[in-house]
N, C-alpha and C. Protein backbone atom coordinates (compact mmCIF):
# COMPACT_ATOMS: atom_id res chain seq x y z
N UNK A 1 83.56 99.28 135.05
CA UNK A 1 84.42 100.22 135.04
C UNK A 1 85.01 100.75 133.83
N UNK A 2 85.00 102.10 133.64
CA UNK A 2 85.71 102.44 132.43
C UNK A 2 86.48 103.68 132.59
N UNK A 3 87.54 103.67 131.25
CA UNK A 3 88.62 104.62 131.54
C UNK A 3 88.29 105.61 130.18
N UNK A 4 88.10 106.96 130.58
CA UNK A 4 88.18 107.84 129.35
C UNK A 4 89.15 109.01 129.62
N UNK A 5 90.02 109.52 128.65
CA UNK A 5 91.05 110.52 128.86
C UNK A 5 91.06 111.70 127.28
N UNK A 6 91.30 112.76 127.93
CA UNK A 6 91.35 113.63 126.57
C UNK A 6 92.71 114.48 126.48
N UNK A 7 93.25 114.63 125.73
CA UNK A 7 94.28 115.52 125.63
C UNK A 7 94.43 116.10 124.50
N UNK A 8 95.14 117.54 124.80
CA UNK A 8 94.90 118.66 124.06
C UNK A 8 96.50 119.02 123.52
N UNK A 9 96.76 118.65 122.48
CA UNK A 9 97.90 118.43 121.62
C UNK A 9 98.45 119.40 121.07
N UNK A 10 99.85 120.06 120.44
CA UNK A 10 100.15 120.86 119.95
C UNK A 10 100.34 119.89 118.19
N UNK A 11 100.37 120.93 117.16
CA UNK A 11 100.29 120.35 116.04
C UNK A 11 101.87 120.14 115.25
N UNK A 12 102.19 119.13 116.42
CA UNK A 12 103.75 118.69 116.21
C UNK A 12 103.65 117.63 116.20
N UNK A 13 104.66 116.98 115.53
CA UNK A 13 105.29 115.54 115.07
C UNK A 13 105.20 114.85 116.04
N UNK A 14 106.15 115.64 117.46
CA UNK A 14 106.39 114.95 118.52
C UNK A 14 104.94 114.46 119.34
N UNK A 15 103.79 114.99 119.05
CA UNK A 15 102.91 114.66 119.73
C UNK A 15 102.21 113.21 119.56
N UNK A 16 102.37 113.04 118.35
CA UNK A 16 102.02 111.53 117.61
C UNK A 16 102.17 110.35 118.68
N UNK A 17 103.46 110.35 118.71
CA UNK A 17 104.21 109.19 119.89
C UNK A 17 103.72 109.07 121.36
N UNK A 18 103.48 110.52 121.76
CA UNK A 18 102.76 110.85 123.04
C UNK A 18 101.77 110.47 123.23
N UNK A 19 100.45 110.55 122.50
CA UNK A 19 99.55 110.11 122.44
C UNK A 19 99.31 108.14 122.35
N UNK A 20 100.35 107.93 121.06
CA UNK A 20 99.99 106.52 121.22
C UNK A 20 100.56 105.74 122.41
N UNK A 21 101.71 106.35 123.13
CA UNK A 21 102.10 105.82 124.34
C UNK A 21 101.18 105.83 125.39
N UNK A 22 100.54 106.71 125.51
CA UNK A 22 99.59 106.98 126.70
C UNK A 22 98.47 105.91 126.16
N UNK A 23 97.96 105.75 125.16
CA UNK A 23 96.91 104.83 124.83
C UNK A 23 97.52 103.10 125.13
N UNK A 24 98.79 102.93 124.75
CA UNK A 24 99.08 101.77 124.71
C UNK A 24 99.27 101.52 126.47
N UNK A 25 99.94 102.47 127.17
CA UNK A 25 99.88 102.23 128.46
C UNK A 25 98.46 102.10 129.18
N UNK A 26 97.64 102.41 129.05
CA UNK A 26 96.36 102.61 129.36
C UNK A 26 95.52 101.08 129.03
N UNK A 27 95.96 100.80 127.99
CA UNK A 27 95.50 99.56 127.71
C UNK A 27 96.30 98.37 128.31
N UNK A 28 97.35 98.40 128.30
CA UNK A 28 98.23 97.42 128.90
C UNK A 28 97.65 97.27 130.54
N UNK A 29 97.71 98.36 131.31
CA UNK A 29 97.07 98.55 132.64
C UNK A 29 95.67 97.68 132.59
N UNK A 30 94.93 98.36 131.96
CA UNK A 30 93.42 97.60 131.85
C UNK A 30 93.15 96.38 131.58
N UNK A 31 94.54 95.57 130.93
CA UNK A 31 94.29 94.22 130.59
C UNK A 31 93.55 93.98 129.13
N UNK A 32 93.67 94.64 128.33
CA UNK A 32 93.44 94.61 126.63
C UNK A 32 94.32 93.77 125.91
N UNK A 33 94.01 92.86 125.16
CA UNK A 33 94.67 91.94 124.71
C UNK A 33 95.93 92.69 123.57
N UNK A 34 96.87 92.53 123.62
CA UNK A 34 98.04 93.30 123.17
C UNK A 34 97.92 93.44 121.23
N UNK A 35 97.32 92.46 120.72
CA UNK A 35 96.93 92.63 119.44
C UNK A 35 96.16 93.51 119.21
N UNK A 36 95.17 93.60 119.93
CA UNK A 36 94.04 94.99 119.88
C UNK A 36 94.55 96.25 120.02
N UNK A 37 95.19 96.33 121.19
CA UNK A 37 96.03 97.42 121.66
C UNK A 37 96.92 98.16 120.33
N UNK A 38 97.67 96.97 120.09
CA UNK A 38 98.42 97.52 118.63
C UNK A 38 97.65 97.81 117.56
N UNK A 39 96.77 97.54 117.05
CA UNK A 39 95.59 97.84 116.14
C UNK A 39 95.30 99.39 116.25
N UNK A 40 94.71 99.49 117.51
CA UNK A 40 94.27 100.64 117.79
C UNK A 40 95.15 101.88 117.91
N UNK A 41 96.34 101.46 118.60
CA UNK A 41 97.85 102.50 118.21
C UNK A 41 97.96 103.13 117.10
N UNK A 42 98.23 102.05 115.98
CA UNK A 42 98.52 102.50 114.73
C UNK A 42 97.59 102.99 114.03
N UNK A 43 96.29 103.06 114.32
CA UNK A 43 95.15 103.59 113.82
C UNK A 43 94.96 105.29 114.48
N UNK A 44 95.59 105.19 115.86
CA UNK A 44 95.06 106.31 116.49
C UNK A 44 96.62 107.14 116.15
N UNK A 45 97.83 106.64 115.64
CA UNK A 45 99.22 107.16 115.13
C UNK A 45 98.72 107.75 113.79
N UNK A 46 97.83 107.06 112.93
CA UNK A 46 97.45 107.94 111.61
C UNK A 46 96.46 108.93 111.82
N UNK A 47 95.38 109.12 112.54
CA UNK A 47 94.55 109.91 112.78
C UNK A 47 95.30 111.30 113.40
N UNK A 48 96.27 111.00 114.37
CA UNK A 48 96.88 112.27 114.71
C UNK A 48 97.96 112.80 113.65
N UNK A 49 98.61 111.87 113.02
CA UNK A 49 99.63 112.28 111.95
C UNK A 49 98.64 113.33 110.95
N UNK A 50 97.48 112.69 110.54
CA UNK A 50 96.83 113.63 109.63
C UNK A 50 96.65 115.19 110.38
N UNK A 51 95.74 115.12 111.99
CA UNK A 51 95.53 116.11 112.36
C UNK A 51 96.75 117.09 112.63
N UNK A 52 97.89 116.40 112.36
CA UNK A 52 99.22 117.35 112.31
C UNK A 52 99.67 117.96 111.00
N UNK A 53 99.26 117.28 110.28
CA UNK A 53 99.66 117.53 108.78
C UNK A 53 98.46 118.44 108.30
N UNK A 54 97.21 118.32 108.38
CA UNK A 54 96.28 118.77 108.05
C UNK A 54 95.50 119.90 108.75
N UNK A 55 95.59 119.92 110.22
CA UNK A 55 94.52 120.44 111.07
C UNK A 55 94.68 121.80 111.32
N UNK A 56 95.87 122.77 110.81
CA UNK A 56 95.68 123.88 111.10
C UNK A 56 94.50 124.84 110.61
N UNK A 57 94.45 125.76 111.15
CA UNK A 57 93.09 126.82 110.71
C UNK A 57 93.63 127.59 109.77
N UNK A 58 93.31 127.46 108.53
CA UNK A 58 93.99 128.55 107.43
C UNK A 58 93.28 129.99 107.34
N UNK A 59 91.88 129.94 108.23
CA UNK A 59 91.44 131.45 108.17
C UNK A 59 92.34 132.31 108.65
N UNK A 60 92.55 131.86 110.22
CA UNK A 60 93.60 132.51 111.03
C UNK A 60 94.88 132.62 110.86
N UNK A 61 95.31 131.82 109.73
CA UNK A 61 96.57 131.53 109.57
C UNK A 61 97.58 130.74 110.68
N UNK A 62 96.97 130.09 111.37
CA UNK A 62 97.37 129.26 112.71
C UNK A 62 98.09 128.07 111.92
N UNK A 63 99.54 128.20 112.11
CA UNK A 63 100.20 127.12 111.41
C UNK A 63 100.54 126.06 112.80
N UNK A 64 100.58 126.78 114.07
CA UNK A 64 100.84 125.64 115.24
C UNK A 64 99.74 125.00 115.57
N UNK A 65 98.77 125.55 116.20
CA UNK A 65 97.33 125.02 116.55
C UNK A 65 97.73 123.66 117.21
N UNK A 66 96.30 123.66 117.70
CA UNK A 66 96.02 122.29 118.55
C UNK A 66 95.27 121.69 118.07
N UNK A 67 95.36 120.09 118.48
CA UNK A 67 94.34 118.91 118.10
C UNK A 67 93.89 118.48 119.19
N UNK A 68 92.62 117.28 119.38
CA UNK A 68 92.19 116.80 120.56
C UNK A 68 92.24 115.65 120.47
N UNK A 69 92.61 114.65 121.40
CA UNK A 69 92.58 113.12 120.98
C UNK A 69 91.50 112.74 122.59
N UNK A 70 90.40 112.17 122.41
CA UNK A 70 89.64 111.59 123.42
C UNK A 70 89.46 110.01 123.24
N UNK A 71 89.83 109.22 124.51
CA UNK A 71 89.66 107.78 124.23
C UNK A 71 88.80 107.37 125.16
N UNK A 72 87.90 106.42 125.09
CA UNK A 72 87.14 105.95 125.99
C UNK A 72 87.22 104.46 126.21
N UNK A 73 87.32 103.64 127.00
CA UNK A 73 87.60 102.33 127.19
C UNK A 73 86.26 101.95 128.06
N UNK A 74 85.71 100.84 128.03
CA UNK A 74 84.68 100.19 128.84
C UNK A 74 84.78 98.75 128.32
N UNK A 75 83.60 97.84 129.05
CA UNK A 75 83.96 96.70 129.13
C UNK A 75 84.08 95.92 127.70
N UNK A 76 83.47 96.43 126.82
CA UNK A 76 83.18 95.94 125.47
C UNK A 76 83.95 96.39 124.43
N UNK A 77 84.29 97.84 124.38
CA UNK A 77 84.97 98.62 123.15
C UNK A 77 85.70 99.50 123.60
N UNK A 78 86.38 100.28 122.48
CA UNK A 78 87.42 101.23 122.68
C UNK A 78 86.85 102.21 121.63
N UNK A 79 86.58 103.28 122.10
CA UNK A 79 85.96 104.50 121.28
C UNK A 79 87.18 105.60 121.01
N UNK A 80 88.01 105.94 119.85
CA UNK A 80 89.09 107.12 120.16
C UNK A 80 88.21 108.23 118.82
N UNK A 81 88.46 109.69 119.38
CA UNK A 81 88.04 110.25 118.41
C UNK A 81 89.12 111.51 118.40
N UNK A 82 89.68 111.80 116.96
CA UNK A 82 90.68 112.74 116.63
C UNK A 82 89.85 114.01 116.34
N UNK A 83 90.14 115.40 117.01
CA UNK A 83 89.72 116.43 116.15
C UNK A 83 90.63 117.62 115.87
N UNK A 84 90.63 118.31 115.14
CA UNK A 84 91.39 119.52 114.72
C UNK A 84 90.72 120.84 114.26
N UNK A 85 91.55 121.68 114.33
CA UNK A 85 91.07 123.10 113.71
C UNK A 85 91.04 123.21 112.23
N UNK A 86 91.43 122.35 111.69
CA UNK A 86 91.64 122.75 110.04
C UNK A 86 90.61 122.94 109.14
N UNK A 87 90.75 122.89 108.09
CA UNK A 87 89.90 122.94 107.04
C UNK A 87 88.58 121.90 107.01
N UNK A 88 89.12 120.94 107.53
CA UNK A 88 87.85 119.93 107.23
C UNK A 88 88.25 118.76 106.08
N UNK A 89 87.25 118.16 106.28
CA UNK A 89 87.18 117.10 104.81
C UNK A 89 86.23 117.82 103.65
N UNK A 90 86.58 117.46 102.49
CA UNK A 90 85.98 117.88 101.33
C UNK A 90 84.41 117.57 101.57
N UNK A 91 83.34 118.20 101.43
CA UNK A 91 82.06 118.41 101.58
C UNK A 91 81.43 116.72 101.01
N UNK A 92 81.93 115.94 100.09
CA UNK A 92 81.68 114.99 99.88
C UNK A 92 82.14 113.64 100.50
N UNK A 93 82.83 114.06 101.38
CA UNK A 93 83.68 112.92 102.19
C UNK A 93 82.72 113.08 103.72
N UNK A 94 82.69 114.35 104.29
CA UNK A 94 81.94 114.50 105.46
C UNK A 94 80.86 113.55 105.71
N UNK A 95 80.72 112.99 106.87
CA UNK A 95 79.65 112.41 107.37
C UNK A 95 79.63 110.76 106.93
N UNK A 96 80.33 110.50 106.30
CA UNK A 96 80.64 108.76 106.11
C UNK A 96 80.82 108.29 106.87
N UNK A 97 80.40 107.02 106.99
CA UNK A 97 81.02 105.92 108.04
C UNK A 97 81.99 105.48 107.67
N UNK A 98 82.63 105.52 106.35
CA UNK A 98 83.71 104.80 105.55
C UNK A 98 84.62 105.78 105.12
N UNK A 99 85.98 106.00 105.10
CA UNK A 99 86.89 106.73 104.25
C UNK A 99 86.67 106.73 102.83
N UNK A 100 86.96 107.63 102.22
CA UNK A 100 86.82 107.49 100.51
C UNK A 100 87.80 106.79 100.38
N UNK A 101 87.29 105.84 99.34
CA UNK A 101 88.41 104.63 98.93
C UNK A 101 88.97 105.12 97.73
N UNK A 102 90.09 105.51 97.81
CA UNK A 102 90.90 106.08 97.23
C UNK A 102 92.51 105.55 97.34
N UNK A 103 92.67 104.41 97.20
CA UNK A 103 94.27 104.00 97.41
C UNK A 103 95.17 105.05 96.98
N UNK A 104 96.01 104.74 97.90
CA UNK A 104 97.52 105.70 97.35
C UNK A 104 98.17 104.96 96.35
N UNK A 105 98.61 105.76 95.44
CA UNK A 105 99.49 104.86 94.34
C UNK A 105 101.00 104.24 95.51
N UNK A 106 101.39 103.12 94.62
CA UNK A 106 102.16 102.09 95.29
C UNK A 106 103.22 102.91 95.63
N UNK A 107 103.73 103.75 95.05
CA UNK A 107 105.11 104.47 95.15
C UNK A 107 104.88 105.81 96.13
N UNK A 108 103.95 106.44 96.39
CA UNK A 108 103.45 107.39 97.54
C UNK A 108 104.19 107.50 99.03
N UNK A 109 104.31 108.31 99.24
CA UNK A 109 105.06 108.72 100.66
C UNK A 109 103.91 108.73 101.91
N UNK A 110 102.85 109.29 101.61
CA UNK A 110 101.80 108.98 102.24
C UNK A 110 100.35 108.87 101.30
N UNK A 111 99.41 109.13 102.22
CA UNK A 111 97.84 108.89 101.63
C UNK A 111 97.06 107.78 102.22
N UNK A 112 97.52 107.17 102.78
CA UNK A 112 96.79 105.68 103.47
C UNK A 112 96.42 105.65 104.56
N UNK A 113 96.59 107.28 105.57
CA UNK A 113 95.84 106.91 106.51
C UNK A 113 94.48 106.66 106.73
N UNK A 114 93.62 107.17 106.02
CA UNK A 114 92.36 106.66 106.66
C UNK A 114 91.73 105.17 105.88
N UNK A 115 92.46 105.02 105.41
CA UNK A 115 92.23 103.72 104.56
C UNK A 115 92.74 102.50 105.74
N UNK A 116 93.76 103.18 106.39
CA UNK A 116 94.42 101.75 107.37
C UNK A 116 93.83 102.06 108.55
N UNK A 117 93.18 103.18 109.20
CA UNK A 117 92.20 103.16 109.92
C UNK A 117 91.03 102.43 109.91
N UNK A 118 90.31 102.40 108.67
CA UNK A 118 89.38 101.74 108.24
C UNK A 118 89.60 100.40 108.22
N UNK A 119 90.69 99.78 108.20
CA UNK A 119 90.86 98.09 108.21
C UNK A 119 91.56 97.81 109.66
N UNK A 120 91.92 98.66 110.11
CA UNK A 120 92.19 98.18 111.85
C UNK A 120 91.17 98.40 113.00
N UNK A 121 90.08 99.36 112.43
CA UNK A 121 89.04 99.59 113.39
C UNK A 121 87.87 98.65 113.17
N UNK A 122 86.77 98.61 113.87
CA UNK A 122 85.25 98.14 113.38
C UNK A 122 84.56 99.18 112.85
N UNK A 123 84.71 100.11 113.33
CA UNK A 123 83.79 101.24 112.67
C UNK A 123 84.21 102.70 112.84
N UNK A 124 84.49 103.33 111.82
CA UNK A 124 84.87 104.75 111.39
C UNK A 124 83.74 105.40 110.91
N UNK A 125 84.06 106.54 111.20
CA UNK A 125 83.22 107.94 110.76
C UNK A 125 84.11 109.23 110.89
N UNK A 126 84.02 109.55 109.43
CA UNK A 126 84.70 111.03 109.62
C UNK A 126 83.92 112.07 109.40
N UNK A 127 84.10 113.04 109.82
CA UNK A 127 83.19 114.10 109.34
C UNK A 127 83.58 115.46 109.75
N UNK A 128 83.19 116.45 109.86
CA UNK A 128 83.54 118.19 110.04
C UNK A 128 82.87 118.77 110.84
N UNK A 129 83.62 119.34 111.95
CA UNK A 129 82.61 119.90 113.22
C UNK A 129 81.72 121.01 112.67
N UNK A 130 80.78 121.15 113.52
CA UNK A 130 79.70 122.06 112.95
C UNK A 130 80.11 123.23 113.23
N UNK A 131 80.57 123.61 114.71
CA UNK A 131 80.66 124.82 115.04
C UNK A 131 81.52 125.87 114.48
N UNK A 132 82.88 125.34 114.68
CA UNK A 132 84.15 126.35 113.96
C UNK A 132 84.86 125.63 113.21
N UNK A 133 84.40 124.41 112.33
CA UNK A 133 85.27 123.90 111.33
C UNK A 133 86.44 123.17 111.90
N UNK A 134 86.88 122.42 110.99
CA UNK A 134 87.83 121.00 111.78
C UNK A 134 87.45 120.08 111.38
N UNK A 135 88.20 118.93 111.22
CA UNK A 135 87.84 117.68 110.91
C UNK A 135 87.66 116.73 112.14
N UNK A 136 86.91 115.87 111.94
CA UNK A 136 86.52 114.95 113.10
C UNK A 136 86.82 113.19 112.77
N UNK A 137 87.64 112.50 112.86
CA UNK A 137 87.96 111.08 112.84
C UNK A 137 87.25 110.58 114.08
N UNK A 138 86.71 109.54 114.08
CA UNK A 138 86.15 108.60 115.30
C UNK A 138 86.29 107.32 114.78
N UNK A 139 86.80 106.17 115.54
CA UNK A 139 86.75 105.08 115.18
C UNK A 139 86.52 104.31 116.61
N UNK A 140 86.02 102.78 116.32
CA UNK A 140 85.50 101.62 117.68
C UNK A 140 86.18 100.61 117.07
N UNK A 141 86.71 99.83 118.23
CA UNK A 141 87.19 98.32 118.05
C UNK A 141 86.56 97.87 119.13
N UNK A 142 85.79 96.46 118.91
CA UNK A 142 85.71 95.64 119.94
C UNK A 142 86.80 95.18 120.79
N UNK A 143 86.87 95.30 122.01
CA UNK A 143 88.04 94.73 122.49
C UNK A 143 87.84 93.49 123.14
N UNK A 144 89.20 92.58 123.25
CA UNK A 144 89.24 91.51 123.66
C UNK A 144 90.43 91.56 124.95
N UNK A 145 90.24 90.70 125.94
CA UNK A 145 91.01 91.15 127.16
C UNK A 145 91.89 89.62 127.47
N UNK A 146 93.01 90.18 127.89
CA UNK A 146 93.85 89.31 128.73
C UNK A 146 92.69 88.46 129.87
N UNK A 147 93.10 87.36 130.35
CA UNK A 147 92.48 86.49 131.38
C UNK A 147 92.87 87.13 132.88
N UNK A 148 92.06 87.62 133.57
CA UNK A 148 92.03 88.13 134.76
C UNK A 148 92.27 89.70 134.42
N UNK A 149 91.91 90.40 133.55
CA UNK A 149 92.13 91.63 133.27
C UNK A 149 91.23 92.69 134.08
N UNK A 150 91.49 93.58 134.87
CA UNK A 150 90.91 94.47 135.60
C UNK A 150 89.65 94.96 135.08
N UNK A 151 89.52 95.53 133.80
CA UNK A 151 88.46 96.16 133.24
C UNK A 151 87.45 95.02 132.44
N UNK A 152 87.90 93.82 132.40
CA UNK A 152 87.07 92.83 131.62
C UNK A 152 85.56 93.12 131.91
N UNK A 153 84.53 92.62 130.88
CA UNK A 153 83.34 92.74 131.24
C UNK A 153 83.14 91.64 131.80
N UNK A 154 82.31 91.85 132.81
CA UNK A 154 81.96 90.50 133.64
C UNK A 154 80.48 89.77 133.32
C-alpha cells in the first residue's frame, strides 16, 4: 500500500507549518521512524519557505500566488516535490541533482535552505518548470519503519 497527497497552498508563511504537520501526521500514522519523519519535515519546511519567499509570478505582478506540495510514501521511500510560479532558478542551477554549494555566511539570517535539504535527503533535484516557469524542488529519502508499521515493506 502507498499514500500520496497534494496540496495547493497560498504563498503565506502560515502555510509552511500546515504542510509540515500534514506530512508528520501521515508518517506517524503510517509508522515511519520518527527520526526519518523529522528530517523530511525539516526539508519540507525549507522547500516551502523558499516557495513562499521566492515563488511569486513576477511577470503577472502576483505577490500572493500559490505553490504546490506533493508527497508520495510507499514501502521503500518518500518523495516530496514543491513547485511554485516564481522566476525559477538561474539557468546554471536548474537541472542539477544537487543544490549549488554556496554556504551562507555564518551571520546570515537565511540562505541555507537548499543545502539543508541536501543534507537531510538522499537525493535532491532542483529545476524549473518547462511549461509556465517556476521552480521545482524534489527530494527523496529511504524510509525506516517502526516495528509493526502498517505500510512497511513486506
